[in-house]
C-alpha atoms as a PDB file:
ATOM      1  CA  UNK A   1      33.972  30.156  31.355  1.00  0.00           C
ATOM      2  CA  UNK A   2      32.029  32.846  33.229  1.00  0.00           C
ATOM      3  CA  UNK A   3      33.349  34.209  36.504  1.00  0.00           C
ATOM      4  CA  UNK A   4      31.354  34.624  39.683  1.00  0.00           C
ATOM      5  CA  UNK A   5      28.941  37.500  39.273  1.00  0.00           C
ATOM      6  CA  UNK A   6      28.483  37.048  35.495  1.00  0.00           C
ATOM      7  CA  UNK A   7      24.819  37.184  34.426  1.00  0.00           C
ATOM      8  CA  UNK A   8      23.804  34.441  31.982  1.00  0.00           C
ATOM      9  CA  UNK A   9      20.784  35.164  29.785  1.00  0.00           C
ATOM     10  CA  UNK A  10      19.025  33.333  26.931  1.00  0.00           C
ATOM     11  CA  UNK A  11      18.617  36.464  24.831  1.00  0.00           C
ATOM     12  CA  UNK A  12      19.418  35.890  21.138  1.00  0.00           C
ATOM     13  CA  UNK A  13      22.246  38.149  19.986  1.00  0.00           C
ATOM     14  CA  UNK A  14      23.530  39.205  16.611  1.00  0.00           C
ATOM     15  CA  UNK A  15      26.693  41.125  15.909  1.00  0.00           C
ATOM     16  CA  UNK A  16      28.373  43.681  13.688  1.00  0.00           C
ATOM     17  CA  UNK A  17      32.099  44.054  13.221  1.00  0.00           C
ATOM     18  CA  UNK A  18      34.008  47.270  12.494  1.00  0.00           C
ATOM     19  CA  UNK A  19      37.798  47.760  12.596  1.00  0.00           C
ATOM     20  CA  UNK A  20      38.193  44.365  14.264  1.00  0.00           C
ATOM     21  CA  UNK A  21      35.830  45.206  17.119  1.00  0.00           C
ATOM     22  CA  UNK A  22      32.628  43.174  17.451  1.00  0.00           C
ATOM     23  CA  UNK A  23      29.478  44.724  18.902  1.00  0.00           C
ATOM     24  CA  UNK A  24      26.692  42.509  20.198  1.00  0.00           C
ATOM     25  CA  UNK A  25      23.087  43.624  20.209  1.00  0.00           C
ATOM     26  CA  UNK A  26      19.884  41.846  21.168  1.00  0.00           C
ATOM     27  CA  UNK A  27      17.589  40.740  18.336  1.00  0.00           C
ATOM     28  CA  UNK A  28      14.005  41.986  18.601  1.00  0.00           C
ATOM     29  CA  UNK A  29      11.556  39.227  19.564  1.00  0.00           C
ATOM     30  CA  UNK A  30       9.956  39.192  16.115  1.00  0.00           C
ATOM     31  CA  UNK A  31      13.315  38.441  14.433  1.00  0.00           C
ATOM     32  CA  UNK A  32      14.207  35.408  16.511  1.00  0.00           C
ATOM     33  CA  UNK A  33      13.830  32.284  14.337  1.00  0.00           C
ATOM     34  CA  UNK A  34      12.788  30.022  17.209  1.00  0.00           C
ATOM     35  CA  UNK A  35       9.790  30.580  19.476  1.00  0.00           C
ATOM     36  CA  UNK A  36       9.907  29.934  23.207  1.00  0.00           C
ATOM     37  CA  UNK A  37       6.911  27.588  23.101  1.00  0.00           C
ATOM     38  CA  UNK A  38       5.045  25.562  20.460  1.00  0.00           C
ATOM     39  CA  UNK A  39       2.288  27.400  18.607  1.00  0.00           C
ATOM     40  CA  UNK A  40       0.498  24.051  18.296  1.00  0.00           C
ATOM     41  CA  UNK A  41       0.711  21.230  20.765  1.00  0.00           C
ATOM     42  CA  UNK A  42       2.151  18.004  19.365  1.00  0.00           C
ATOM     43  CA  UNK A  43       3.301  14.840  21.060  1.00  0.00           C
ATOM     44  CA  UNK A  44       6.446  13.396  19.490  1.00  0.00           C
ATOM     45  CA  UNK A  45       6.605   9.860  20.851  1.00  0.00           C
ATOM     46  CA  UNK A  46       6.508   6.339  19.463  1.00  0.00           C
ATOM     47  CA  UNK A  47       3.281   5.836  21.429  1.00  0.00           C
ATOM     48  CA  UNK A  48       1.725   8.782  19.579  1.00  0.00           C
ATOM     49  CA  UNK A  49       2.870   7.371  16.248  1.00  0.00           C
ATOM     50  CA  UNK A  50       1.283   3.998  17.063  1.00  0.00           C
ATOM     51  CA  UNK A  51      -1.897   5.673  18.267  1.00  0.00           C
ATOM     52  CA  UNK A  52      -2.236   7.695  15.042  1.00  0.00           C
ATOM     53  CA  UNK A  53      -1.495   4.599  12.962  1.00  0.00           C
ATOM     54  CA  UNK A  54      -4.282   2.755  14.761  1.00  0.00           C
ATOM     55  CA  UNK A  55      -6.684   5.685  14.365  1.00  0.00           C
ATOM     56  CA  UNK A  56      -6.113   5.943  10.616  1.00  0.00           C
ATOM     57  CA  UNK A  57      -5.934   2.159  10.048  1.00  0.00           C
ATOM     58  CA  UNK A  58      -9.214   1.525  11.831  1.00  0.00           C
ATOM     59  CA  UNK A  59     -11.046   4.499  10.303  1.00  0.00           C
ATOM     60  CA  UNK A  60     -14.267   3.680   8.511  1.00  0.00           C
ATOM     61  CA  UNK A  61     -16.721   6.243   7.088  1.00  0.00           C
ATOM     62  CA  UNK A  62     -19.621   6.894   9.453  1.00  0.00           C
ATOM     63  CA  UNK A  63     -22.027   6.499   6.523  1.00  0.00           C
ATOM     64  CA  UNK A  64     -22.834   2.796   6.038  1.00  0.00           C
ATOM     65  CA  UNK A  65     -23.289   3.251   2.284  1.00  0.00           C
ATOM     66  CA  UNK A  66     -19.695   4.453   1.849  1.00  0.00           C
ATOM     67  CA  UNK A  67     -16.740   2.072   1.768  1.00  0.00           C
ATOM     68  CA  UNK A  68     -13.975   4.697   1.590  1.00  0.00           C
ATOM     69  CA  UNK A  69     -13.605   8.409   2.278  1.00  0.00           C
ATOM     70  CA  UNK A  70     -12.527   9.904  -1.052  1.00  0.00           C
ATOM     71  CA  UNK A  71     -10.241  12.908  -0.600  1.00  0.00           C
ATOM     72  CA  UNK A  72      -9.319  15.085  -3.585  1.00  0.00           C
ATOM     73  CA  UNK A  73      -5.891  16.742  -3.527  1.00  0.00           C
ATOM     74  CA  UNK A  74      -5.783  20.078  -5.356  1.00  0.00           C
ATOM     75  CA  UNK A  75      -2.769  22.321  -5.776  1.00  0.00           C
ATOM     76  CA  UNK A  76      -0.381  24.024  -8.193  1.00  0.00           C
ATOM     77  CA  UNK A  77       2.153  22.054 -10.231  1.00  0.00           C
ATOM     78  CA  UNK A  78       4.952  20.596  -8.024  1.00  0.00           C
ATOM     79  CA  UNK A  79       3.171  21.554  -4.801  1.00  0.00           C
ATOM     80  CA  UNK A  80       3.734  18.049  -3.408  1.00  0.00           C
ATOM     81  CA  UNK A  81       0.384  16.297  -4.023  1.00  0.00           C
ATOM     82  CA  UNK A  82       1.834  13.102  -5.471  1.00  0.00           C
ATOM     83  CA  UNK A  83       4.668  13.146  -2.931  1.00  0.00           C
ATOM     84  CA  UNK A  84       2.102  13.323  -0.129  1.00  0.00           C
ATOM     85  CA  UNK A  85       0.312  10.257  -1.523  1.00  0.00           C
ATOM     86  CA  UNK A  86       3.593   8.334  -1.721  1.00  0.00           C
ATOM     87  CA  UNK A  87       4.660   9.496   1.741  1.00  0.00           C
ATOM     88  CA  UNK A  88       1.413   8.344   3.385  1.00  0.00           C
ATOM     89  CA  UNK A  89       1.679   5.017   1.570  1.00  0.00           C
ATOM     90  CA  UNK A  90       5.281   4.729   2.768  1.00  0.00           C
ATOM     91  CA  UNK A  91       4.218   5.120   6.406  1.00  0.00           C
ATOM     92  CA  UNK A  92       1.839   2.168   6.077  1.00  0.00           C
ATOM     93  CA  UNK A  93       4.226   0.090   3.983  1.00  0.00           C
ATOM     94  CA  UNK A  94       6.918   0.443   6.619  1.00  0.00           C
ATOM     95  CA  UNK A  95       9.440   1.659   4.043  1.00  0.00           C
ATOM     96  CA  UNK A  96       9.825   4.558   1.618  1.00  0.00           C
ATOM     97  CA  UNK A  97       8.026   3.816  -1.647  1.00  0.00           C
ATOM     98  CA  UNK A  98       6.969   5.937  -4.618  1.00  0.00           C
ATOM     99  CA  UNK A  99       3.771   4.586  -6.131  1.00  0.00           C
ATOM    100  CA  UNK A 100       2.496   8.016  -7.159  1.00  0.00           C
ATOM    101  CA  UNK A 101       4.879   9.346  -9.817  1.00  0.00           C
ATOM    102  CA  UNK A 102       6.234  12.850  -9.286  1.00  0.00           C
ATOM    103  CA  UNK A 103       6.780  15.383 -12.075  1.00  0.00           C
ATOM    104  CA  UNK A 104       9.319  18.137 -12.592  1.00  0.00           C
ATOM    105  CA  UNK A 105       9.133  21.629 -11.147  1.00  0.00           C
ATOM    106  CA  UNK A 106       7.456  23.043 -14.262  1.00  0.00           C
ATOM    107  CA  UNK A 107       5.139  20.303 -15.467  1.00  0.00           C
ATOM    108  CA  UNK A 108       2.460  18.172 -13.862  1.00  0.00           C
ATOM    109  CA  UNK A 109       3.199  14.440 -14.091  1.00  0.00           C
ATOM    110  CA  UNK A 110      -0.400  13.598 -13.212  1.00  0.00           C
ATOM    111  CA  UNK A 111      -2.612  14.105 -16.265  1.00  0.00           C
ATOM    112  CA  UNK A 112      -5.580  11.964 -15.284  1.00  0.00           C
ATOM    113  CA  UNK A 113      -7.779  11.164 -12.317  1.00  0.00           C
ATOM    114  CA  UNK A 114      -5.890   8.665 -10.168  1.00  0.00           C
ATOM    115  CA  UNK A 115      -7.229   7.209  -6.945  1.00  0.00           C
ATOM    116  CA  UNK A 116      -4.892   5.589  -4.433  1.00  0.00           C
ATOM    117  CA  UNK A 117      -6.195   3.238  -1.785  1.00  0.00           C
ATOM    118  CA  UNK A 118      -4.035   3.529   1.324  1.00  0.00           C
ATOM    119  CA  UNK A 119      -3.152  -0.025   2.251  1.00  0.00           C
ATOM    120  CA  UNK A 120      -2.702  -1.181   5.803  1.00  0.00           C
ATOM    121  CA  UNK A 121       0.433  -2.975   6.919  1.00  0.00           C
ATOM    122  CA  UNK A 122       1.007  -6.548   5.733  1.00  0.00           C
ATOM    123  CA  UNK A 123      -1.853  -8.782   6.734  1.00  0.00           C
ATOM    124  CA  UNK A 124      -4.135  -5.857   7.579  1.00  0.00           C
ATOM    125  CA  UNK A 125      -7.191  -4.656   5.694  1.00  0.00           C
ATOM    126  CA  UNK A 126      -6.888  -1.487   3.576  1.00  0.00           C
ATOM    127  CA  UNK A 127      -7.705   1.717   5.424  1.00  0.00           C
ATOM    128  CA  UNK A 128     -10.978   3.543   4.840  1.00  0.00           C
ATOM    129  CA  UNK A 129      -9.121   6.301   2.967  1.00  0.00           C
ATOM    130  CA  UNK A 130      -8.765   6.937  -0.771  1.00  0.00           C
ATOM    131  CA  UNK A 131      -6.509   9.797  -1.939  1.00  0.00           C
ATOM    132  CA  UNK A 132      -7.460  11.155  -5.367  1.00  0.00           C
ATOM    133  CA  UNK A 133      -4.995  13.088  -7.514  1.00  0.00           C
ATOM    134  CA  UNK A 134      -5.539  15.219 -10.627  1.00  0.00           C
ATOM    135  CA  UNK A 135      -3.204  17.384 -12.694  1.00  0.00           C
ATOM    136  CA  UNK A 136      -1.825  20.460 -11.001  1.00  0.00           C
ATOM    137  CA  UNK A 137      -3.619  23.796 -11.101  1.00  0.00           C
ATOM    138  CA  UNK A 138      -2.050  26.085 -13.704  1.00  0.00           C
ATOM    139  CA  UNK A 139      -1.734  29.828 -14.182  1.00  0.00           C
ATOM    140  CA  UNK A 140      -4.773  29.807 -16.435  1.00  0.00           C
ATOM    141  CA  UNK A 141      -7.559  27.613 -17.789  1.00  0.00           C
ATOM    142  CA  UNK A 142      -5.298  26.237 -20.548  1.00  0.00           C
ATOM    143  CA  UNK A 143      -2.593  24.888 -18.225  1.00  0.00           C
ATOM    144  CA  UNK A 144      -4.584  22.961 -15.664  1.00  0.00           C
ATOM    145  CA  UNK A 145      -7.966  21.349 -15.012  1.00  0.00           C
ATOM    146  CA  UNK A 146     -10.904  23.692 -15.475  1.00  0.00           C
ATOM    147  CA  UNK A 147     -13.265  24.628 -12.663  1.00  0.00           C
ATOM    148  CA  UNK A 148     -15.994  22.711 -14.491  1.00  0.00           C
ATOM    149  CA  UNK A 149     -13.888  19.527 -14.594  1.00  0.00           C
ATOM    150  CA  UNK A 150     -12.885  19.786 -10.929  1.00  0.00           C
ATOM    151  CA  UNK A 151     -16.518  20.159  -9.879  1.00  0.00           C
ATOM    152  CA  UNK A 152     -17.389  17.193 -12.098  1.00  0.00           C
ATOM    153  CA  UNK A 153     -14.807  15.107 -10.202  1.00  0.00           C
ATOM    154  CA  UNK A 154     -16.233  16.216  -6.847  1.00  0.00           C
ATOM    155  CA  UNK A 155     -19.769  15.392  -7.961  1.00  0.00           C
ATOM    156  CA  UNK A 156     -18.654  11.888  -8.941  1.00  0.00           C
ATOM    157  CA  UNK A 157     -19.221  12.134 -12.702  1.00  0.00           C
ATOM    158  CA  UNK A 158     -15.590  11.550 -13.785  1.00  0.00           C
ATOM    159  CA  UNK A 159     -14.459   7.950 -14.311  1.00  0.00           C
ATOM    160  CA  UNK A 160     -11.181   6.657 -12.883  1.00  0.00           C
ATOM    161  CA  UNK A 161      -8.297   7.200 -15.295  1.00  0.00           C
ATOM    162  CA  UNK A 162     -10.013  10.000 -17.231  1.00  0.00           C
ATOM    163  CA  UNK A 163      -7.390  12.133 -18.973  1.00  0.00           C
ATOM    164  CA  UNK A 164      -8.112  15.836 -18.703  1.00  0.00           C
ATOM    165  CA  UNK A 165      -7.908  18.169 -21.688  1.00  0.00           C
ATOM    166  CA  UNK A 166      -8.745  21.911 -21.554  1.00  0.00           C
ATOM    167  CA  UNK A 167     -10.432  21.785 -24.962  1.00  0.00           C
ATOM    168  CA  UNK A 168     -12.468  18.676 -24.123  1.00  0.00           C
ATOM    169  CA  UNK A 169     -14.416  19.359 -20.920  1.00  0.00           C
ATOM    170  CA  UNK A 170     -16.118  16.540 -19.053  1.00  0.00           C
ATOM    171  CA  UNK A 171     -19.711  16.082 -20.245  1.00  0.00           C
ATOM    172  CA  UNK A 172     -22.362  13.407 -20.509  1.00  0.00           C
ATOM    173  CA  UNK A 173     -20.839  12.146 -23.797  1.00  0.00           C
ATOM    174  CA  UNK A 174     -17.434  11.586 -22.128  1.00  0.00           C
ATOM    175  CA  UNK A 175     -16.400   7.907 -22.181  1.00  0.00           C
ATOM    176  CA  UNK A 176     -17.223   6.349 -18.819  1.00  0.00           C
ATOM    177  CA  UNK A 177     -19.197   9.404 -17.625  1.00  0.00           C
ATOM    178  CA  UNK A 178     -21.119   8.529 -14.454  1.00  0.00           C
ATOM    179  CA  UNK A 179     -24.609   9.889 -15.036  1.00  0.00           C
ATOM    180  CA  UNK A 180     -26.070   9.048 -11.629  1.00  0.00           C
ATOM    181  CA  UNK A 181     -23.181   9.010  -9.150  1.00  0.00           C
ATOM    182  CA  UNK A 182     -23.762   7.467  -5.741  1.00  0.00           C
ATOM    183  CA  UNK A 183     -22.327   8.915  -2.543  1.00  0.00           C
ATOM    184  CA  UNK A 184     -19.515   6.361  -3.016  1.00  0.00           C
ATOM    185  CA  UNK A 185     -18.481   8.022  -6.300  1.00  0.00           C
ATOM    186  CA  UNK A 186     -18.339  11.557  -4.902  1.00  0.00           C
ATOM    187  CA  UNK A 187     -15.494  13.414  -3.222  1.00  0.00           C
ATOM    188  CA  UNK A 188     -16.024  13.748   0.532  1.00  0.00           C
ATOM    189  CA  UNK A 189     -13.268  16.231   1.386  1.00  0.00           C
ATOM    190  CA  UNK A 190     -10.914  18.506  -0.568  1.00  0.00           C
ATOM    191  CA  UNK A 191      -7.346  19.082   0.606  1.00  0.00           C
ATOM    192  CA  UNK A 192      -5.477  21.947  -1.048  1.00  0.00           C
ATOM    193  CA  UNK A 193      -1.719  21.467  -1.256  1.00  0.00           C
ATOM    194  CA  UNK A 194       0.627  24.479  -1.397  1.00  0.00           C
ATOM    195  CA  UNK A 195       4.419  24.704  -1.348  1.00  0.00           C
ATOM    196  CA  UNK A 196       5.798  26.685   1.613  1.00  0.00           C
ATOM    197  CA  UNK A 197       8.879  27.715  -0.374  1.00  0.00           C
ATOM    198  CA  UNK A 198       6.756  29.290  -3.139  1.00  0.00           C
ATOM    199  CA  UNK A 199       4.020  31.041  -1.174  1.00  0.00           C
ATOM    200  CA  UNK A 200       5.309  34.533  -1.996  1.00  0.00           C
ATOM    201  CA  UNK A 201       6.062  33.655  -5.639  1.00  0.00           C
ATOM    202  CA  UNK A 202       2.740  32.175  -6.698  1.00  0.00           C
ATOM    203  CA  UNK A 203       0.987  34.301  -9.359  1.00  0.00           C
ATOM    204  CA  UNK A 204      -1.762  36.585  -8.096  1.00  0.00           C
ATOM    205  CA  UNK A 205      -4.323  34.832 -10.285  1.00  0.00           C
ATOM    206  CA  UNK A 206      -3.856  31.670  -8.198  1.00  0.00           C
ATOM    207  CA  UNK A 207      -5.518  33.357  -5.231  1.00  0.00           C
ATOM    208  CA  UNK A 208      -8.530  34.090  -7.462  1.00  0.00           C
ATOM    209  CA  UNK A 209      -8.550  30.447  -8.586  1.00  0.00           C
ATOM    210  CA  UNK A 210      -8.604  29.255  -4.970  1.00  0.00           C
ATOM    211  CA  UNK A 211     -11.394  31.708  -4.132  1.00  0.00           C
ATOM    212  CA  UNK A 212     -13.550  30.423  -6.997  1.00  0.00           C
ATOM    213  CA  UNK A 213     -12.860  26.814  -6.045  1.00  0.00           C
ATOM    214  CA  UNK A 214     -13.636  27.394  -2.388  1.00  0.00           C
ATOM    215  CA  UNK A 215     -16.941  29.124  -3.128  1.00  0.00           C
ATOM    216  CA  UNK A 216     -18.201  26.482  -5.554  1.00  0.00           C
ATOM    217  CA  UNK A 217     -16.984  23.530  -3.482  1.00  0.00           C
ATOM    218  CA  UNK A 218     -18.528  25.025  -0.354  1.00  0.00           C
ATOM    219  CA  UNK A 219     -21.854  25.234  -2.209  1.00  0.00           C
ATOM    220  CA  UNK A 220     -21.609  21.457  -2.717  1.00  0.00           C
ATOM    221  CA  UNK A 221     -21.344  20.941   1.043  1.00  0.00           C
ATOM    222  CA  UNK A 222     -17.806  19.537   0.849  1.00  0.00           C
ATOM    223  CA  UNK A 223     -15.411  20.555   3.614  1.00  0.00           C
ATOM    224  CA  UNK A 224     -11.989  21.920   2.680  1.00  0.00           C
ATOM    225  CA  UNK A 225      -8.619  21.762   4.441  1.00  0.00           C
ATOM    226  CA  UNK A 226      -5.038  22.447   3.323  1.00  0.00           C
ATOM    227  CA  UNK A 227      -1.521  21.014   3.547  1.00  0.00           C
ATOM    228  CA  UNK A 228       1.588  23.200   3.659  1.00  0.00           C
ATOM    229  CA  UNK A 229       4.396  21.127   2.130  1.00  0.00           C
ATOM    230  CA  UNK A 230       8.188  21.550   1.811  1.00  0.00           C
ATOM    231  CA  UNK A 231       8.452  23.115   5.265  1.00  0.00           C
ATOM    232  CA  UNK A 232      11.992  21.733   5.524  1.00  0.00           C
ATOM    233  CA  UNK A 233      12.993  23.992   2.609  1.00  0.00           C
ATOM    234  CA  UNK A 234      12.140  27.197   4.481  1.00  0.00           C
ATOM    235  CA  UNK A 235      13.403  26.288   7.957  1.00  0.00           C
ATOM    236  CA  UNK A 236      16.840  24.707   8.423  1.00  0.00           C
ATOM    237  CA  UNK A 237      16.073  23.763  12.053  1.00  0.00           C
ATOM    238  CA  UNK A 238      13.008  21.806  10.958  1.00  0.00           C
ATOM    239  CA  UNK A 239      14.996  20.209   8.126  1.00  0.00           C
ATOM    240  CA  UNK A 240      17.371  18.806  10.751  1.00  0.00           C
ATOM    241  CA  UNK A 241      14.673  17.952  13.303  1.00  0.00           C
ATOM    242  CA  UNK A 242      11.012  17.883  12.276  1.00  0.00           C
ATOM    243  CA  UNK A 243       9.906  18.212  15.928  1.00  0.00           C
ATOM    244  CA  UNK A 244      10.938  21.885  15.693  1.00  0.00           C
ATOM    245  CA  UNK A 245       8.110  22.602  13.218  1.00  0.00           C
ATOM    246  CA  UNK A 246       5.775  24.122  15.804  1.00  0.00           C
ATOM    247  CA  UNK A 247       8.515  26.239  17.343  1.00  0.00           C
ATOM    248  CA  UNK A 248       9.515  27.754  14.014  1.00  0.00           C
ATOM    249  CA  UNK A 249       8.563  31.385  13.578  1.00  0.00           C
ATOM    250  CA  UNK A 250       9.060  31.273   9.796  1.00  0.00           C
ATOM    251  CA  UNK A 251       6.746  28.259   9.404  1.00  0.00           C
ATOM    252  CA  UNK A 252       4.110  29.901  11.595  1.00  0.00           C
ATOM    253  CA  UNK A 253       4.331  33.098   9.534  1.00  0.00           C
ATOM    254  CA  UNK A 254       4.244  31.133   6.256  1.00  0.00           C
ATOM    255  CA  UNK A 255       1.084  29.379   7.482  1.00  0.00           C
ATOM    256  CA  UNK A 256      -0.537  32.823   7.774  1.00  0.00           C
ATOM    257  CA  UNK A 257       0.555  33.667   4.213  1.00  0.00           C
ATOM    258  CA  UNK A 258      -0.857  30.355   2.995  1.00  0.00           C
ATOM    259  CA  UNK A 259      -4.124  31.189   4.735  1.00  0.00           C
ATOM    260  CA  UNK A 260      -4.248  34.532   2.910  1.00  0.00           C
ATOM    261  CA  UNK A 261      -3.523  32.830  -0.444  1.00  0.00           C
ATOM    262  CA  UNK A 262      -6.212  30.190   0.098  1.00  0.00           C
ATOM    263  CA  UNK A 263      -8.696  32.479   1.802  1.00  0.00           C
ATOM    264  CA  UNK A 264      -9.059  30.202   4.799  1.00  0.00           C
ATOM    265  CA  UNK A 265      -8.246  30.207   8.510  1.00  0.00           C
ATOM    266  CA  UNK A 266      -4.923  28.649   9.519  1.00  0.00           C
ATOM    267  CA  UNK A 267      -6.881  26.271  11.767  1.00  0.00           C
ATOM    268  CA  UNK A 268      -7.700  24.320   8.585  1.00  0.00           C
ATOM    269  CA  UNK A 269      -4.047  24.182   7.456  1.00  0.00           C
ATOM    270  CA  UNK A 270      -1.457  21.644   8.637  1.00  0.00           C
ATOM    271  CA  UNK A 271       2.273  21.560   7.815  1.00  0.00           C
ATOM    272  CA  UNK A 272       3.772  18.348   6.441  1.00  0.00           C
ATOM    273  CA  UNK A 273       7.174  17.063   5.435  1.00  0.00           C
ATOM    274  CA  UNK A 274       7.013  14.560   2.593  1.00  0.00           C
ATOM    275  CA  UNK A 275       9.581  11.848   2.049  1.00  0.00           C
ATOM    276  CA  UNK A 276      11.747  12.828  -0.918  1.00  0.00           C
ATOM    277  CA  UNK A 277      15.408  11.795  -0.895  1.00  0.00           C
ATOM    278  CA  UNK A 278      15.149   9.602   2.221  1.00  0.00           C
ATOM    279  CA  UNK A 279      15.501   5.839   1.949  1.00  0.00           C
ATOM    280  CA  UNK A 280      14.259   5.031   5.459  1.00  0.00           C
ATOM    281  CA  UNK A 281      11.308   6.203   7.520  1.00  0.00           C
ATOM    282  CA  UNK A 282      11.598   8.662  10.401  1.00  0.00           C
ATOM    283  CA  UNK A 283       9.196   8.292  13.348  1.00  0.00           C
ATOM    284  CA  UNK A 284       8.681  12.050  13.799  1.00  0.00           C
ATOM    285  CA  UNK A 285       8.028  12.619  10.088  1.00  0.00           C
ATOM    286  CA  UNK A 286       5.479   9.791  10.322  1.00  0.00           C
ATOM    287  CA  UNK A 287       3.757  11.557  13.238  1.00  0.00           C
ATOM    288  CA  UNK A 288       3.426  14.771  11.203  1.00  0.00           C
ATOM    289  CA  UNK A 289       2.087  12.920   8.144  1.00  0.00           C
ATOM    290  CA  UNK A 290      -0.359  10.807  10.161  1.00  0.00           C
ATOM    291  CA  UNK A 291      -1.581  13.914  12.000  1.00  0.00           C
ATOM    292  CA  UNK A 292      -2.331  15.484   8.611  1.00  0.00           C
ATOM    293  CA  UNK A 293      -4.287  12.394   7.521  1.00  0.00           C
ATOM    294  CA  UNK A 294      -6.226  12.381  10.801  1.00  0.00           C
ATOM    295  CA  UNK A 295      -7.001  16.091  10.261  1.00  0.00           C
ATOM    296  CA  UNK A 296      -8.357  15.340   6.777  1.00  0.00           C
ATOM    297  CA  UNK A 297     -10.477  12.400   7.949  1.00  0.00           C
ATOM    298  CA  UNK A 298     -12.150  14.504  10.644  1.00  0.00           C
ATOM    299  CA  UNK A 299     -13.493  16.830   7.943  1.00  0.00           C
ATOM    300  CA  UNK A 300     -14.427  13.967   5.633  1.00  0.00           C
ATOM    301  CA  UNK A 301     -16.542  12.590   8.456  1.00  0.00           C
ATOM    302  CA  UNK A 302     -18.342  15.926   8.771  1.00  0.00           C
ATOM    303  CA  UNK A 303     -19.499  15.380   5.187  1.00  0.00           C
ATOM    304  CA  UNK A 304     -20.955  11.998   6.110  1.00  0.00           C
ATOM    305  CA  UNK A 305     -22.672  13.467   9.169  1.00  0.00           C
ATOM    306  CA  UNK A 306     -24.246  16.117   6.924  1.00  0.00           C
ATOM    307  CA  UNK A 307     -25.247  13.717   4.147  1.00  0.00           C
ATOM    308  CA  UNK A 308     -26.233  10.465   5.842  1.00  0.00           C
ATOM    309  CA  UNK A 309     -29.982   9.897   5.361  1.00  0.00           C
ATOM    310  CA  UNK A 310     -31.915  10.453   8.581  1.00  0.00           C
ATOM    311  CA  UNK A 311     -34.291   7.554   9.200  1.00  0.00           C
ATOM    312  CA  UNK A 312     -37.384   8.430  11.197  1.00  0.00           C
ATOM    313  CA  UNK A 313     -40.150   6.189  12.398  1.00  0.00           C
ATOM    314  CA  UNK A 314     -40.304   2.381  12.111  1.00  0.00           C
END
């Protein structure tokens, strides 16, 4: 207990101990793990969760010709692409499910183009969102999908279920090849997925891969965003309470590193926590996941605004 006249402060202290005597010293501001205020505003309430659920559930592409916004997830092996698909599906199923199979830390489970329609809750129509998954990006052309194949997916030429092989690139002779893809067949937004716990350990060539992808995909007029996964593995406070995500200095700093790796502004990147070992849903984790989906859909809609035919005259 403090006595009258004691001054109470909120300064974060660390300590050293020598010969049994402990010395306290104030940590510099940049070393404090928790920030005084959120670096992004987020409302953590059940009302917000319901509002986001309604927004995503009722979403329909602004282009009348398109039935679903097709979003391609791209990222290194074990970055959390398939886990993100399963986590979003879990939110709408009302329980944790794993429809998208997840591979090990060294190999990509996904070998083919798989598209997942995000179903609404029981009795509701499916959402207007389709998440598309391909094998993870590798360290070189022989360990992941080639740039040519990825662009073929985005342009709508690759049939559902096509199994990728580095020595057999997608071409017009490929079984099921879509020669004249409609806007329904194409990818309308690309979401890169990177693992927060591996940002500093990714090979340098991956940054070059992202740069090439971003340039070519930008030329196609497709907007690009990014997801920073496994944030609970780099911040113990966020692991305990996901509402601390936007007060975490380490997550904010890792976002900047992810931006440097991807070559994009952090305004396009959102942190997410996927469901992994959990057996039940958590409302705050749902809010973070639904916010990420809403973020993606906003950029998908920009594609439709840019590519919807403009009718003039009678």
